[in-house]
Amino acid sequence: MPAEQLSRVCQFLVQLFLKFCVFSTLWVRKVIAPSRKRHERSTQKLSSQKSSFLKEYGDDYGYQDGPISVDELRSKEFARLQGSVYLDHAGTTLYAENQLKSVLLEFSTRLYGNPHSQSESSTLSSSIVKAARAQVLASCNASAEEYSCVFTSGATAALKLVGETFPWTNESQYMYTTENHNSVLGIREYALDLGATVTPVDIFPSSSKLSGESGSEEFDVRKRSSQVRGPSGTSSDHISSRGHAVYNLFAFPHECNFSGAKFDLGLVSYVQEGRHTHFQRGQWLVLLDAAKGCSTSPPDLRKFPADFVAISFYKIFGYPTGLGALLVRKGASELMKKKYFGGGTVAVSIADEDFVQRRLNVEERLEDGTISFLSIAALRHGFTVLSQLNMAAIRRHTGSLTGYTASKLDAFRHYNGLQVCTLYGNHASKMKKNYCDPHSDQGPIIAFNMKRADGSWIGSREVEKLASLRRIHLRTGCFCNPGACAKYLGLSSNDMKENFEAGHVCWDDNDVINGRPTGAVRVSFGYMSTFEDCSSFLDLISTYFVERYNSKTAPLKEKDVNCLFSVVSNSFVETKPSGGSTVSLQSIIVYPIKSCAGFTAKSWPLGDCGLLYDRDWLIKSTSGEVLTQKKCPSMWSIKTHIDLETGILHVEAPNMKGGIDIPLNNVANCEPSSNVTLCSNPVGANQCGLDADRWFSEALETPCSLVKRDVKSRFIKPRRSTIGSGDKKVFEEEETELSFANEGQILLVSQSSVDNLNSRLVASTSQRDYERNREVRSDKQHFQVDVKRFRPNLVVVGSEAYDEDLWDTLAIGDEQFKVRGGCNRCTMVNIDQSSGKREALSEPLATLASYRRFKGQINFGILIEQARHCTDRRLSSKEDETSKDSNVDSDILKRSHNRLVHVGQRVRVVQTLTN
């Protein structure tokens, strides 16, 4: 190589090296150093908080005197929790790894047969079951001489068994505390059906209550309206008590699964002695729902001998599920009258004669069929785990976490002094260490709601969604406890009925109705919960829900403050974007089939629902459920393209040898499709034929059908009002026709906003890398998203980031549009549209939630609709029928040819003025 050429190469390499050095230095200063400092500050803060916590609760937290600390327990037995925070132990606690390994080892080395047989393997099963019954009784300090353990499929089945076998008569009373699970409330159906009187009650400590031994307690039992079901319309005749003894039942929970409030077990003898009511006819028996309480504070049945006790094992040690028990006191078991008899419950029965003799043993008489003997065999391994820690230590451990977290939640304040959290249960009266006391009246549950700084309630589902972005597992709603829910939220029976009539049902998203919450947020702790779990949860609340400044008076930064949607101007002035540059249309994307891949176009016609044919088709399951990428991730791979000239929708999939062509104008040949529901509302749709169904079923590897939108079958009401227009035709507030899109006709996203998000993602993911002790990635490797992640129809350039939040109307070419509002984002944006991969870090939604959340929504992009509602272009009913028979799609296409949007067109923006 010539010397001159070698010299140039050397100079180039030197320059390249210097540039690399400069880049590396900038990278360290801009990304790595800030991330390291944030991580160090975060670590120091956590360390300081834990030190304060241990000063207060160190004697109770972490099993310091046990064979293993909670930190060792977590790393050894619950490694699967790495990166997750599990706070739903009231729903189910978690099984330990060695617990499950021991179960599987036993099953793989021992031979268990049906306990109803007499073989050696069956005898082994019977002995295991007998030992399990004794172990269950011992866990509640109950003797086998006094109690029987009847295995059921769960606590609900145990409660149901009491209801269907109790000797109800028309003089019987069934009382239950309003703070009870639905499974306890359901017993009233048996009672009412057989003529008994049903009365809900509230329990309060009496002003004259004495402390001391069981039997000295006094309670204030306040009855609500009694209910009696008349003889007419019942499924069976009422049973008269004439000539028979009368038995009454009183039911209450050991620990309320809604709030964690614990009932004084002195109530057991108080009720059995009939001191709770003036109604003296008959004997009172007590049903104790211990499903929740047994996980940390099992009842002492020698001291508080309830007649019936319901237990659920997965709530105690996570596995097995589908197994519970009913502990029955000897005297009460003799009263249980069962109609149905199944295998194993009879001494003799005759097939062709009404003759049967039931077994005398209580367990055998009440356990229909073959019991779940393998699940029962697994119980001892769960009890072994808990016995190593002991229940008293578990109670103190979970109590310390409850006390600390409750006090921190109670202390949160907004910038204006308004309290953030409203806690339910017995938290308000607690001293700092009373949570760990064996006589504490509060279990390891914190149920609460939150208010914004303006006093409005924050919906519980909003909290749950944001928690899921941080992999925090908690629960929201009423937790199947309508009485406690109504009590703590201040809801009357009429309120709950009105909420139901307004569309609210269990597990839906209607978390605030008429300005009031319909449910609550619940966190609950288990024996493997840690301080770090509490800290992560409290950080979630502090970050997302505690307002530290007034957003109305704080200075705007980077135009990315939470969406500003309040319109206060009475006039409209066309302005340029804040940067002074011209906004233009960068790309057009059409998605013919909902949740499948779209295609780009240089120009595209507008229809009555937005872009022509956009989301005009969807794929539904055999049950009518609309399939999306959230439930069927492989939909990303379905590629689509429309040829307007040939009138064909071309569809391809990578796992199919050939594609399929769907005519655009096949409406006349389609059969109407039934049971299609979109966004909780039925929509009109037409089948696209068996060939299409078979193709999509094979491509997605699930039975499904392709359906096409029925024209004018779906309209949506205006969501965002427009003020001050002088052109009523342009801004008339009529319903807008909608395709199979969720909320708006057209979704518009700004490239500048995507770029701004990516700059934030660099910082947020670098911080996570440090927190997880991983090496910070280089810029090229860093997590970034492209605009397709947001599935927009229109992408604009030239505006500053988030300028679109303030747009009210805009014009693209000759077509005018009005803004419907922000696009509320869900986990769909965490799916990479080029691979179908769901991001493990919940990005970019987690970062968006940190700065784009407004009134429960995480907004990114805007929904727009055509401002000129072309009533003259809408078909009359008569024309509609004619078009349907001839070719309605062709007619729409002809009418759309003169209404086009083109890439490169200028976007003229009219902004609203906000304060």
Foldseek 3Di string as FASTA:
>chain_A
DDPVVVVVVVVVVVVVVVVVVVVVVCCCVPFVVVLVVVLVVVVVVLVVVVVVLCVQQVVQAFLPVFPGGLVRQCVQFPVVCVLFFEFALLVFDAATNVLVVVLVVCVVPAQADFCVDDDPNNVVLVVLLVVLQCVVCVLQQHDPVWKGKAKAQALLRQLVLCLQFFPAALDEEEEEELLDFLSNVVSVLSNQLQNYKYKYWHKDFDPPADDDAQPRGDIAIGIDDIDHHDQPPHPDGHHHCVVHAYEYEYEYECARSAAQFGDDLSVQVCVQVVVHDPPDGHGYAYEYEDQQVSQQFRHNCVRRVHQKYKYGQRSNRNDDHSMIIIMGTPVRLVRGHDDDAAPQFFPDDDDPDHDTHGDPDSNSNSHHDGDPSSRSSSRVSSVVVCVSSDSLSFQSNLLSLQLVLVVLQQPFAAQVGHRFKDWDHPNVPDDSRLSSDSPRRGGQKTKIWTAAPVGFTAFQVLLCQLSVLSNYDWDKARNSSVSSQCVVQVHDPVNVVVCVVVPDDPPDRPQADPRGGRMIIMGGDHSSRDPVSSVVSSVSCVQQGHHHDDPQPDDDDLLQFAQDADFDDQDWDFDAFPVPWFKFWAWFWAALEAQEHTDTDQKFFAFLLGTPNRNQKFKAAPQQHTDHCVRQLQRLQWYWDADPVVQWIWIDGPVDPGTDIQGNFCLLVWAWDPNHAAPNHDFTWTFRDPVQQVVVCVRSVHRITMIGHDPPGDWAFFQGADHNDPDCLLRPGDIGDHHSDRHFRFWEAEQQQLVVLQVLQSNVVSSVCVSVVHDRDDPVPGDGAGPCLVVGRIYMYDHHHNSVSFFAKKDFVNFIKGWRHFDFDHLSSQAHSVPSDGDPSSPPQSVLSSRHDDSSGSGGTTHMDTSNNPPVLDDDPVVSVVCSNPTVSVSSVVVRPVGMGGGGTTMTTIGGDDD
